[in-house]
Amino acid sequence: MNTFERQLAKFRTQEGFIAALDQSGGSTPKALKAYGVDESAYSNDEEMFAQVHAMRSRIITSPAFHGDKVLGAILFEDTLHREIEGKPSSKYLWEEKGVVPFLKCDKGLEDKANGVQLMKPIPGLNELLAAAKAMDVFGTKMRAVIWEANEAGIKAVVAQQFEIGKQIIAAGLVPILEPEVDINSPEKAEAEAILKRELLAELNKLEDNQLVMIKVSLPEETNLYADAIAHKNVVKVVALSGGFPLEQANARLAVNKGVIASFSRVLTDELYADQPQDDFNAALARTIEPIYQASRT
């Protein structure tokens, strides 16, 4: 099997979850501050990204972070062009850790309209996909946000996700489509019901060889996405924590059979820049274990 086939087989046969290590420029200062690196520690974007790469590298190189429990990791584009212990980050993940690399490829969100935020245009996407493919990246991730149970808005979100998703498939990668329903929406359950319907309608239009993954908020209705999980074109349905605390996110995840985690913030909640390495490794292991267990149901 080639690299892509081995990575696909890992997702189809092994238990585990995805670590979302893809904080972008806008969310990086907050992530660094939570880690204990204040804004005074850097004076420009290059220094900021160097700081967050050091944080990500420390997580990835930790013995607690390994492909036996962490199936995949989503990287920010800046990370793709940096190295970990002398190897390109994506190749280090796959070759040294057995963790399947993904790339965040969206460029942020448009202003809210029709109760949703669509993705901004993604200039240079084909070139980025080609570069990612050459570095053993398996798939991509792109996020839109749903705030209201607005049928027209949700239809537009799903249509955009699948349109760009097909471009990503054509480049030889598997897209993670992420139509996030905000957990604080007063219409969350209603929005999720519309979203599920629209997702299944688009999935049913795919050719047999067009594979996708879907990343959703932890739903109000248990096992809401069972039909998507069982769909022949879906490799995995994964869930974001979305702002729920770790224990609550894991509890919601565990009751949704077949859904695995793709958590970001909660993965690093107990990690700090000034921790001794043994304490850092132990804290990371304590966080990974319950996410792994909740993803096995």
C-alpha atoms as a PDB file:
ATOM      1  CA  MET A   1       0.000   0.000   0.000  1.00  0.00           C
ATOM      2  CA  ASN A   2       1.110   3.559  -0.621  1.00  0.00           C
ATOM      3  CA  THR A   3       1.136   6.204   2.116  1.00  0.00           C
ATOM      4  CA  PHE A   4      -2.416   7.405   1.431  1.00  0.00           C
ATOM      5  CA  GLU A   5      -3.769   3.857   1.509  1.00  0.00           C
ATOM      6  CA  ARG A   6      -1.987   3.103   4.798  1.00  0.00           C
ATOM      7  CA  GLN A   7      -3.345   6.295   6.327  1.00  0.00           C
ATOM      8  CA  LEU A   8      -6.878   5.497   5.136  1.00  0.00           C
ATOM      9  CA  ALA A   9      -6.604   1.966   6.527  1.00  0.00           C
ATOM     10  CA  LYS A  10      -5.514   3.361   9.893  1.00  0.00           C
ATOM     11  CA  PHE A  11      -8.685   5.449  10.110  1.00  0.00           C
ATOM     12  CA  ARG A  12     -10.866   2.559   9.055  1.00  0.00           C
ATOM     13  CA  THR A  13      -9.409  -0.060  11.373  1.00  0.00           C
ATOM     14  CA  GLN A  14      -7.959   1.623  14.486  1.00  0.00           C
ATOM     15  CA  GLU A  15      -9.537   3.344  17.464  1.00  0.00           C
ATOM     16  CA  GLY A  16      -8.478   6.807  18.529  1.00  0.00           C
ATOM     17  CA  PHE A  17      -9.109  10.487  17.912  1.00  0.00           C
ATOM     18  CA  ILE A  18      -7.820  13.555  16.078  1.00  0.00           C
ATOM     19  CA  ALA A  19      -5.794  16.256  17.823  1.00  0.00           C
ATOM     20  CA  ALA A  20      -6.658  19.678  16.385  1.00  0.00           C
ATOM     21  CA  LEU A  21      -3.383  21.621  16.608  1.00  0.00           C
ATOM     22  CA  ASP A  22      -4.426  24.188  14.035  1.00  0.00           C
ATOM     23  CA  GLN A  23      -4.889  27.476  15.879  1.00  0.00           C
ATOM     24  CA  SER A  24      -4.631  30.176  13.218  1.00  0.00           C
ATOM     25  CA  GLY A  25      -3.263  33.701  13.425  1.00  0.00           C
ATOM     26  CA  GLY A  26      -6.383  35.048  15.100  1.00  0.00           C
ATOM     27  CA  SER A  27      -6.592  32.402  17.827  1.00  0.00           C
ATOM     28  CA  THR A  28      -2.863  31.933  18.440  1.00  0.00           C
ATOM     29  CA  PRO A  29      -2.393  34.729  21.044  1.00  0.00           C
ATOM     30  CA  LYS A  30      -5.197  33.279  23.167  1.00  0.00           C
ATOM     31  CA  ALA A  31      -3.772  29.746  22.872  1.00  0.00           C
ATOM     32  CA  LEU A  32      -0.302  30.972  23.838  1.00  0.00           C
ATOM     33  CA  LYS A  33      -1.633  32.947  26.789  1.00  0.00           C
ATOM     34  CA  ALA A  34      -3.434  29.869  28.109  1.00  0.00           C
ATOM     35  CA  TYR A  35      -0.130  28.000  27.753  1.00  0.00           C
ATOM     36  CA  GLY A  36       1.620  30.666  29.795  1.00  0.00           C
ATOM     37  CA  VAL A  37       3.296  32.652  27.016  1.00  0.00           C
ATOM     38  CA  ASP A  38       2.272  36.297  27.288  1.00  0.00           C
ATOM     39  CA  GLU A  39       2.179  38.698  24.336  1.00  0.00           C
ATOM     40  CA  SER A  40       5.303  40.345  25.701  1.00  0.00           C
ATOM     41  CA  ALA A  41       7.234  37.220  24.657  1.00  0.00           C
ATOM     42  CA  TYR A  42       6.930  38.101  20.952  1.00  0.00           C
ATOM     43  CA  SER A  43       6.871  41.310  18.947  1.00  0.00           C
ATOM     44  CA  ASN A  44       5.598  40.229  15.511  1.00  0.00           C
ATOM     45  CA  ASP A  45       3.775  37.407  13.750  1.00  0.00           C
ATOM     46  CA  GLU A  46       6.946  35.490  12.914  1.00  0.00           C
ATOM     47  CA  GLU A  47       7.985  35.394  16.576  1.00  0.00           C
ATOM     48  CA  MET A  48       4.419  34.502  17.604  1.00  0.00           C
ATOM     49  CA  PHE A  49       4.281  31.592  15.179  1.00  0.00           C
ATOM     50  CA  ALA A  50       7.700  30.419  16.354  1.00  0.00           C
ATOM     51  CA  GLN A  51       6.367  30.365  19.921  1.00  0.00           C
ATOM     52  CA  VAL A  52       3.258  28.377  19.012  1.00  0.00           C
ATOM     53  CA  HIS A  53       5.327  25.982  16.885  1.00  0.00           C
ATOM     54  CA  ALA A  54       7.505  25.329  19.918  1.00  0.00           C
ATOM     55  CA  MET A  55       4.343  24.524  21.889  1.00  0.00           C
ATOM     56  CA  ARG A  56       3.017  22.199  19.192  1.00  0.00           C
ATOM     57  CA  SER A  57       6.409  20.531  18.805  1.00  0.00           C
ATOM     58  CA  ARG A  58       6.539  19.870  22.538  1.00  0.00           C
ATOM     59  CA  ILE A  59       3.117  18.212  22.366  1.00  0.00           C
ATOM     60  CA  ILE A  60       3.917  16.149  19.270  1.00  0.00           C
ATOM     61  CA  THR A  61       7.320  14.954  20.507  1.00  0.00           C
ATOM     62  CA  SER A  62       5.949  13.979  23.927  1.00  0.00           C
ATOM     63  CA  PRO A  63       5.870  10.200  24.508  1.00  0.00           C
ATOM     64  CA  ALA A  64       2.217  10.641  25.522  1.00  0.00           C
ATOM     65  CA  PHE A  65       1.373  11.707  21.949  1.00  0.00           C
ATOM     66  CA  HIS A  66       1.454   8.670  19.675  1.00  0.00           C
ATOM     67  CA  GLY A  67      -0.478   6.962  16.914  1.00  0.00           C
ATOM     68  CA  ASP A  68      -1.742   4.223  19.186  1.00  0.00           C
ATOM     69  CA  LYS A  69      -4.341   6.672  20.561  1.00  0.00           C
ATOM     70  CA  VAL A  70      -3.995   9.774  18.397  1.00  0.00           C
ATOM     71  CA  LEU A  71      -5.085   8.768  14.893  1.00  0.00           C
ATOM     72  CA  GLY A  72      -4.527  12.145  13.292  1.00  0.00           C
ATOM     73  CA  ALA A  73      -3.452  15.729  13.887  1.00  0.00           C
ATOM     74  CA  ILE A  74      -4.659  18.877  12.133  1.00  0.00           C
ATOM     75  CA  LEU A  75      -1.920  21.400  11.392  1.00  0.00           C
ATOM     76  CA  PHE A  76      -2.034  25.105  10.632  1.00  0.00           C
ATOM     77  CA  GLU A  77      -0.466  26.040   7.273  1.00  0.00           C
ATOM     78  CA  ASP A  78       2.491  27.725   8.997  1.00  0.00           C
ATOM     79  CA  THR A  79       3.251  24.449  10.799  1.00  0.00           C
ATOM     80  CA  LEU A  80       3.330  22.573   7.490  1.00  0.00           C
ATOM     81  CA  HIS A  81       6.325  24.655   6.434  1.00  0.00           C
ATOM     82  CA  ARG A  82       8.246  24.150   9.696  1.00  0.00           C
ATOM     83  CA  GLU A  83      10.256  21.206  10.987  1.00  0.00           C
ATOM     84  CA  ILE A  84      10.140  19.037  14.085  1.00  0.00           C
ATOM     85  CA  GLU A  85      13.459  17.463  15.050  1.00  0.00           C
ATOM     86  CA  GLY A  86      14.829  18.070  11.561  1.00  0.00           C
ATOM     87  CA  LYS A  87      11.849  16.712   9.601  1.00  0.00           C
ATOM     88  CA  PRO A  88       8.929  18.527   8.010  1.00  0.00           C
ATOM     89  CA  SER A  89       6.151  18.554  10.624  1.00  0.00           C
ATOM     90  CA  SER A  90       3.759  16.397   8.595  1.00  0.00           C
ATOM     91  CA  LYS A  91       6.412  13.804   7.843  1.00  0.00           C
ATOM     92  CA  TYR A  92       7.518  13.725  11.492  1.00  0.00           C
ATOM     93  CA  LEU A  93       3.924  13.044  12.544  1.00  0.00           C
ATOM     94  CA  TRP A  94       3.505  10.156  10.135  1.00  0.00           C
ATOM     95  CA  GLU A  95       6.980   8.618  10.062  1.00  0.00           C
ATOM     96  CA  GLU A  96       7.972   9.023  13.717  1.00  0.00           C
ATOM     97  CA  LYS A  97       4.618   8.971  15.526  1.00  0.00           C
ATOM     98  CA  GLY A  98       2.254   7.065  13.240  1.00  0.00           C
ATOM     99  CA  VAL A  99      -0.149  10.014  13.370  1.00  0.00           C
ATOM    100  CA  VAL A 100      -1.986  10.920  10.151  1.00  0.00           C
ATOM    101  CA  PRO A 101      -1.429  14.594   9.212  1.00  0.00           C
ATOM    102  CA  PHE A 102      -4.234  16.955   8.132  1.00  0.00           C
ATOM    103  CA  LEU A 103      -4.012  20.592   7.076  1.00  0.00           C
ATOM    104  CA  LYS A 104      -6.351  23.451   7.966  1.00  0.00           C
ATOM    105  CA  CYS A 105      -6.921  25.046   4.561  1.00  0.00           C
ATOM    106  CA  ASP A 106      -9.614  27.682   5.097  1.00  0.00           C
ATOM    107  CA  LYS A 107      -8.882  31.403   5.411  1.00  0.00           C
ATOM    108  CA  GLY A 108     -11.457  32.302   8.040  1.00  0.00           C
ATOM    109  CA  LEU A 109     -15.095  33.339   8.008  1.00  0.00           C
ATOM    110  CA  GLU A 110     -17.259  35.809   6.154  1.00  0.00           C
ATOM    111  CA  ASP A 111     -19.546  38.126   8.103  1.00  0.00           C
ATOM    112  CA  LYS A 112     -22.761  36.595   9.400  1.00  0.00           C
ATOM    113  CA  ALA A 113     -25.643  36.380   6.907  1.00  0.00           C
ATOM    114  CA  ASN A 114     -28.762  34.198   6.946  1.00  0.00           C
ATOM    115  CA  GLY A 115     -27.798  32.970  10.403  1.00  0.00           C
ATOM    116  CA  VAL A 116     -24.453  31.511   9.276  1.00  0.00           C
ATOM    117  CA  GLN A 117     -20.883  32.422   8.473  1.00  0.00           C
ATOM    118  CA  LEU A 118     -19.611  31.000   5.212  1.00  0.00           C
ATOM    119  CA  MET A 119     -15.910  30.542   4.533  1.00  0.00           C
ATOM    120  CA  LYS A 120     -13.932  33.292   2.891  1.00  0.00           C
ATOM    121  CA  PRO A 121     -12.467  32.525  -0.544  1.00  0.00           C
ATOM    122  CA  ILE A 122      -9.364  30.311  -0.454  1.00  0.00           C
ATOM    123  CA  PRO A 123      -6.888  31.731  -2.994  1.00  0.00           C
ATOM    124  CA  GLY A 124      -4.094  29.437  -4.110  1.00  0.00           C
ATOM    125  CA  LEU A 125      -5.888  26.346  -2.836  1.00  0.00           C
ATOM    126  CA  ASN A 126      -4.719  24.022  -5.618  1.00  0.00           C
ATOM    127  CA  GLU A 127      -1.088  24.981  -5.028  1.00  0.00           C
ATOM    128  CA  LEU A 128      -1.477  24.451  -1.285  1.00  0.00           C
ATOM    129  CA  LEU A 129      -3.091  21.048  -1.817  1.00  0.00           C
ATOM    130  CA  ALA A 130      -0.277  19.968  -4.133  1.00  0.00           C
ATOM    131  CA  ALA A 131       2.323  21.004  -1.556  1.00  0.00           C
ATOM    132  CA  ALA A 132       0.450  19.181   1.188  1.00  0.00           C
ATOM    133  CA  LYS A 133       0.103  16.014  -0.881  1.00  0.00           C
ATOM    134  CA  ALA A 134       3.852  16.018  -1.531  1.00  0.00           C
ATOM    135  CA  MET A 135       4.434  16.107   2.237  1.00  0.00           C
ATOM    136  CA  ASP A 136       2.287  13.027   3.024  1.00  0.00           C
ATOM    137  CA  VAL A 137      -0.697  15.046   4.247  1.00  0.00           C
ATOM    138  CA  PHE A 138      -3.810  12.848   4.105  1.00  0.00           C
ATOM    139  CA  GLY A 139      -6.571  15.417   4.311  1.00  0.00           C
ATOM    140  CA  THR A 140      -7.693  18.945   5.031  1.00  0.00           C
ATOM    141  CA  LYS A 141     -10.068  20.762   7.359  1.00  0.00           C
ATOM    142  CA  MET A 142     -12.229  23.799   6.673  1.00  0.00           C
ATOM    143  CA  ARG A 143     -14.744  25.439   8.985  1.00  0.00           C
ATOM    144  CA  ALA A 144     -17.975  27.365   8.617  1.00  0.00           C
ATOM    145  CA  VAL A 145     -20.285  28.323  11.493  1.00  0.00           C
ATOM    146  CA  ILE A 146     -24.050  27.968  11.874  1.00  0.00           C
ATOM    147  CA  TRP A 147     -25.722  30.253  14.428  1.00  0.00           C
ATOM    148  CA  GLU A 148     -29.416  29.847  13.647  1.00  0.00           C
ATOM    149  CA  ALA A 149     -31.836  27.269  12.246  1.00  0.00           C
ATOM    150  CA  ASN A 150     -31.974  29.192   8.972  1.00  0.00           C
ATOM    151  CA  GLU A 151     -32.625  26.762   6.161  1.00  0.00           C
ATOM    152  CA  ALA A 152     -31.210  28.948   3.387  1.00  0.00           C
ATOM    153  CA  GLY A 153     -28.073  29.682   5.387  1.00  0.00           C
ATOM    154  CA  ILE A 154     -27.455  26.050   6.307  1.00  0.00           C
ATOM    155  CA  LYS A 155     -28.010  24.945   2.702  1.00  0.00           C
ATOM    156  CA  ALA A 156     -25.410  27.507   1.610  1.00  0.00           C
ATOM    157  CA  VAL A 157     -22.900  26.287   4.204  1.00  0.00           C
ATOM    158  CA  VAL A 158     -23.265  22.651   3.165  1.00  0.00           C
ATOM    159  CA  ALA A 159     -23.152  23.491  -0.551  1.00  0.00           C
ATOM    160  CA  GLN A 160     -19.939  25.467  -0.089  1.00  0.00           C
ATOM    161  CA  GLN A 161     -18.330  22.716   2.002  1.00  0.00           C
ATOM    162  CA  PHE A 162     -19.046  20.064  -0.611  1.00  0.00           C
ATOM    163  CA  GLU A 163     -18.076  22.265  -3.559  1.00  0.00           C
ATOM    164  CA  ILE A 164     -14.627  22.944  -2.139  1.00  0.00           C
ATOM    165  CA  GLY A 165     -14.489  19.427  -0.730  1.00  0.00           C
ATOM    166  CA  LYS A 166     -14.700  18.017  -4.252  1.00  0.00           C
ATOM    167  CA  GLN A 167     -11.779  20.219  -5.298  1.00  0.00           C
ATOM    168  CA  ILE A 168      -9.781  18.766  -2.397  1.00  0.00           C
ATOM    169  CA  ILE A 169     -10.778  15.203  -3.327  1.00  0.00           C
ATOM    170  CA  ALA A 170      -9.629  15.845  -6.906  1.00  0.00           C
ATOM    171  CA  ALA A 171      -6.199  16.776  -5.507  1.00  0.00           C
ATOM    172  CA  GLY A 172      -5.945  13.351  -3.868  1.00  0.00           C
ATOM    173  CA  LEU A 173      -6.800  14.280  -0.284  1.00  0.00           C
ATOM    174  CA  VAL A 174      -9.728  13.626   2.054  1.00  0.00           C
ATOM    175  CA  PRO A 175     -11.498  16.794   3.219  1.00  0.00           C
ATOM    176  CA  ILE A 176     -12.844  17.191   6.723  1.00  0.00           C
ATOM    177  CA  LEU A 177     -16.001  19.214   6.156  1.00  0.00           C
ATOM    178  CA  GLU A 178     -16.745  21.291   9.261  1.00  0.00           C
ATOM    179  CA  PRO A 179     -20.167  22.967   9.431  1.00  0.00           C
ATOM    180  CA  GLU A 180     -20.011  23.861  13.133  1.00  0.00           C
ATOM    181  CA  VAL A 181     -23.267  24.629  14.932  1.00  0.00           C
ATOM    182  CA  ASP A 182     -22.390  27.045  17.734  1.00  0.00           C
ATOM    183  CA  ILE A 183     -23.055  25.362  21.085  1.00  0.00           C
ATOM    184  CA  ASN A 184     -24.673  28.526  22.448  1.00  0.00           C
ATOM    185  CA  SER A 185     -27.235  28.816  19.685  1.00  0.00           C
ATOM    186  CA  PRO A 186     -30.780  28.843  21.127  1.00  0.00           C
ATOM    187  CA  GLU A 187     -31.808  26.944  17.983  1.00  0.00           C
ATOM    188  CA  LYS A 188     -29.005  24.365  18.119  1.00  0.00           C
ATOM    189  CA  ALA A 189     -31.197  21.236  17.944  1.00  0.00           C
ATOM    190  CA  GLU A 190     -33.295  22.642  15.090  1.00  0.00           C
ATOM    191  CA  ALA A 191     -30.193  23.751  13.192  1.00  0.00           C
ATOM    192  CA  GLU A 192     -28.638  20.307  13.605  1.00  0.00           C
ATOM    193  CA  ALA A 193     -31.736  18.604  12.210  1.00  0.00           C
ATOM    194  CA  ILE A 194     -31.552  20.774   9.075  1.00  0.00           C
ATOM    195  CA  LEU A 195     -27.795  20.245   8.841  1.00  0.00           C
ATOM    196  CA  LYS A 196     -28.130  16.466   9.011  1.00  0.00           C
ATOM    197  CA  ARG A 197     -30.704  16.478   6.212  1.00  0.00           C
ATOM    198  CA  GLU A 198     -28.557  18.672   3.962  1.00  0.00           C
ATOM    199  CA  LEU A 199     -25.397  16.659   4.657  1.00  0.00           C
ATOM    200  CA  LEU A 200     -27.085  13.392   3.705  1.00  0.00           C
ATOM    201  CA  ALA A 201     -28.525  14.935   0.534  1.00  0.00           C
ATOM    202  CA  GLU A 202     -25.045  16.023  -0.589  1.00  0.00           C
ATOM    203  CA  LEU A 203     -23.397  12.756   0.479  1.00  0.00           C
ATOM    204  CA  ASN A 204     -25.842  10.849  -1.689  1.00  0.00           C
ATOM    205  CA  LYS A 205     -24.652  12.798  -4.752  1.00  0.00           C
ATOM    206  CA  LEU A 206     -21.011  11.741  -4.379  1.00  0.00           C
ATOM    207  CA  GLU A 207     -19.314   9.180  -6.611  1.00  0.00           C
ATOM    208  CA  ASP A 208     -18.171   5.972  -4.921  1.00  0.00           C
ATOM    209  CA  ASN A 209     -14.515   7.077  -4.838  1.00  0.00           C
ATOM    210  CA  GLN A 210     -15.226  10.534  -3.363  1.00  0.00           C
ATOM    211  CA  LEU A 211     -14.420  10.154   0.333  1.00  0.00           C
ATOM    212  CA  VAL A 212     -15.004  12.774   3.014  1.00  0.00           C
ATOM    213  CA  MET A 213     -14.874  13.184   6.759  1.00  0.00           C
ATOM    214  CA  ILE A 214     -17.384  15.349   8.620  1.00  0.00           C
ATOM    215  CA  LYS A 215     -16.672  17.408  11.732  1.00  0.00           C
ATOM    216  CA  VAL A 216     -19.700  18.500  13.735  1.00  0.00           C
ATOM    217  CA  SER A 217     -20.606  19.952  17.096  1.00  0.00           C
ATOM    218  CA  LEU A 218     -21.570  17.421  19.755  1.00  0.00           C
ATOM    219  CA  PRO A 219     -25.293  17.097  18.969  1.00  0.00           C
ATOM    220  CA  GLU A 220     -28.316  17.688  21.175  1.00  0.00           C
ATOM    221  CA  GLU A 221     -29.930  14.475  19.909  1.00  0.00           C
ATOM    222  CA  THR A 222     -27.842  11.412  20.736  1.00  0.00           C
ATOM    223  CA  ASN A 223     -26.669   9.490  17.644  1.00  0.00           C
ATOM    224  CA  LEU A 224     -28.095  12.166  15.340  1.00  0.00           C
ATOM    225  CA  TYR A 225     -25.392  11.507  12.775  1.00  0.00           C
ATOM    226  CA  ALA A 226     -25.676   7.698  12.687  1.00  0.00           C
ATOM    227  CA  ASP A 227     -26.736   7.723   9.018  1.00  0.00           C
ATOM    228  CA  ALA A 228     -23.699   9.809   8.095  1.00  0.00           C
ATOM    229  CA  ILE A 229     -21.390   7.482  10.034  1.00  0.00           C
ATOM    230  CA  ALA A 230     -22.773   4.519   8.093  1.00  0.00           C
ATOM    231  CA  HIS A 231     -22.584   6.257   4.708  1.00  0.00           C
ATOM    232  CA  LYS A 232     -20.262   4.622   2.173  1.00  0.00           C
ATOM    233  CA  ASN A 233     -18.547   7.922   1.334  1.00  0.00           C
ATOM    234  CA  VAL A 234     -17.772   8.882   4.946  1.00  0.00           C
ATOM    235  CA  VAL A 235     -14.440   7.790   6.432  1.00  0.00           C
ATOM    236  CA  LYS A 236     -15.246   9.193   9.894  1.00  0.00           C
ATOM    237  CA  VAL A 237     -17.583  11.570  11.649  1.00  0.00           C
ATOM    238  CA  VAL A 238     -15.625  13.574  14.214  1.00  0.00           C
ATOM    239  CA  ALA A 239     -16.746  16.041  16.860  1.00  0.00           C
ATOM    240  CA  LEU A 240     -15.319  19.311  18.100  1.00  0.00           C
ATOM    241  CA  SER A 241     -15.531  20.209  21.771  1.00  0.00           C
ATOM    242  CA  GLY A 242     -16.951  23.590  20.772  1.00  0.00           C
ATOM    243  CA  GLY A 243     -16.435  25.221  24.145  1.00  0.00           C
ATOM    244  CA  PHE A 244     -17.685  22.417  26.377  1.00  0.00           C
ATOM    245  CA  PRO A 245     -15.285  21.611  29.261  1.00  0.00           C
ATOM    246  CA  LEU A 246     -13.327  18.385  28.731  1.00  0.00           C
ATOM    247  CA  GLU A 247     -15.398  16.208  31.069  1.00  0.00           C
ATOM    248  CA  GLN A 248     -18.681  17.370  29.546  1.00  0.00           C
ATOM    249  CA  ALA A 249     -17.336  17.047  25.991  1.00  0.00           C
ATOM    250  CA  ASN A 250     -16.169  13.495  26.680  1.00  0.00           C
ATOM    251  CA  ALA A 251     -19.528  12.562  28.237  1.00  0.00           C
ATOM    252  CA  ARG A 252     -21.410  13.864  25.197  1.00  0.00           C
ATOM    253  CA  LEU A 253     -18.965  12.146  22.859  1.00  0.00           C
ATOM    254  CA  ALA A 254     -19.187   8.773  24.603  1.00  0.00           C
ATOM    255  CA  VAL A 255     -22.947   8.439  24.049  1.00  0.00           C
ATOM    256  CA  ASN A 256     -22.677   9.167  20.319  1.00  0.00           C
ATOM    257  CA  LYS A 257     -21.718   5.767  18.922  1.00  0.00           C
ATOM    258  CA  GLY A 258     -19.108   5.832  16.180  1.00  0.00           C
ATOM    259  CA  VAL A 259     -18.196   9.523  16.552  1.00  0.00           C
ATOM    260  CA  ILE A 260     -14.579  10.293  17.493  1.00  0.00           C
ATOM    261  CA  ALA A 261     -13.092  13.445  18.984  1.00  0.00           C
ATOM    262  CA  SER A 262     -11.317  16.201  17.116  1.00  0.00           C
ATOM    263  CA  PHE A 263     -10.582  18.415  20.090  1.00  0.00           C
ATOM    264  CA  SER A 264      -8.391  21.513  20.207  1.00  0.00           C
ATOM    265  CA  ARG A 265      -8.527  23.800  23.241  1.00  0.00           C
ATOM    266  CA  VAL A 266      -9.392  21.116  25.790  1.00  0.00           C
ATOM    267  CA  LEU A 267      -6.402  19.063  24.638  1.00  0.00           C
ATOM    268  CA  THR A 268      -4.016  21.727  25.913  1.00  0.00           C
ATOM    269  CA  ASP A 269      -5.932  23.009  28.960  1.00  0.00           C
ATOM    270  CA  GLU A 270      -3.516  21.473  31.480  1.00  0.00           C
ATOM    271  CA  LEU A 271      -0.303  22.220  29.564  1.00  0.00           C
ATOM    272  CA  TYR A 272       1.991  25.122  30.512  1.00  0.00           C
ATOM    273  CA  ALA A 273       5.248  26.465  29.139  1.00  0.00           C
ATOM    274  CA  ASP A 274       7.014  26.364  32.506  1.00  0.00           C
ATOM    275  CA  GLN A 275       6.038  22.777  33.382  1.00  0.00           C
ATOM    276  CA  PRO A 276       8.912  20.350  33.918  1.00  0.00           C
ATOM    277  CA  GLN A 277       8.923  17.872  31.037  1.00  0.00           C
ATOM    278  CA  ASP A 278       7.778  14.914  33.150  1.00  0.00           C
ATOM    279  CA  ASP A 279       4.833  16.928  34.469  1.00  0.00           C
ATOM    280  CA  PHE A 280       3.992  18.094  30.950  1.00  0.00           C
ATOM    281  CA  ASN A 281       4.022  14.507  29.640  1.00  0.00           C
ATOM    282  CA  ALA A 282       1.877  13.294  32.531  1.00  0.00           C
ATOM    283  CA  ALA A 283      -0.660  16.093  32.073  1.00  0.00           C
ATOM    284  CA  LEU A 284      -0.916  15.390  28.352  1.00  0.00           C
ATOM    285  CA  ALA A 285      -1.372  11.676  29.004  1.00  0.00           C
ATOM    286  CA  ARG A 286      -4.131  12.407  31.546  1.00  0.00           C
ATOM    287  CA  THR A 287      -5.979  14.428  28.923  1.00  0.00           C
ATOM    288  CA  ILE A 288      -5.444  12.031  26.019  1.00  0.00           C
ATOM    289  CA  GLU A 289      -6.660   8.918  27.848  1.00  0.00           C
ATOM    290  CA  PRO A 290     -10.287   9.978  28.533  1.00  0.00           C
ATOM    291  CA  ILE A 291     -10.635  11.505  25.042  1.00  0.00           C
ATOM    292  CA  TYR A 292      -9.390   8.199  23.594  1.00  0.00           C
ATOM    293  CA  GLN A 293     -11.813   6.184  25.733  1.00  0.00           C
ATOM    294  CA  ALA A 294     -14.773   8.414  24.818  1.00  0.00           C
ATOM    295  CA  SER A 295     -13.865   8.016  21.131  1.00  0.00           C
ATOM    296  CA  ARG A 296     -13.966   4.205  21.348  1.00  0.00           C
ATOM    297  CA  THR A 297     -17.730   3.929  21.877  1.00  0.00           C
END
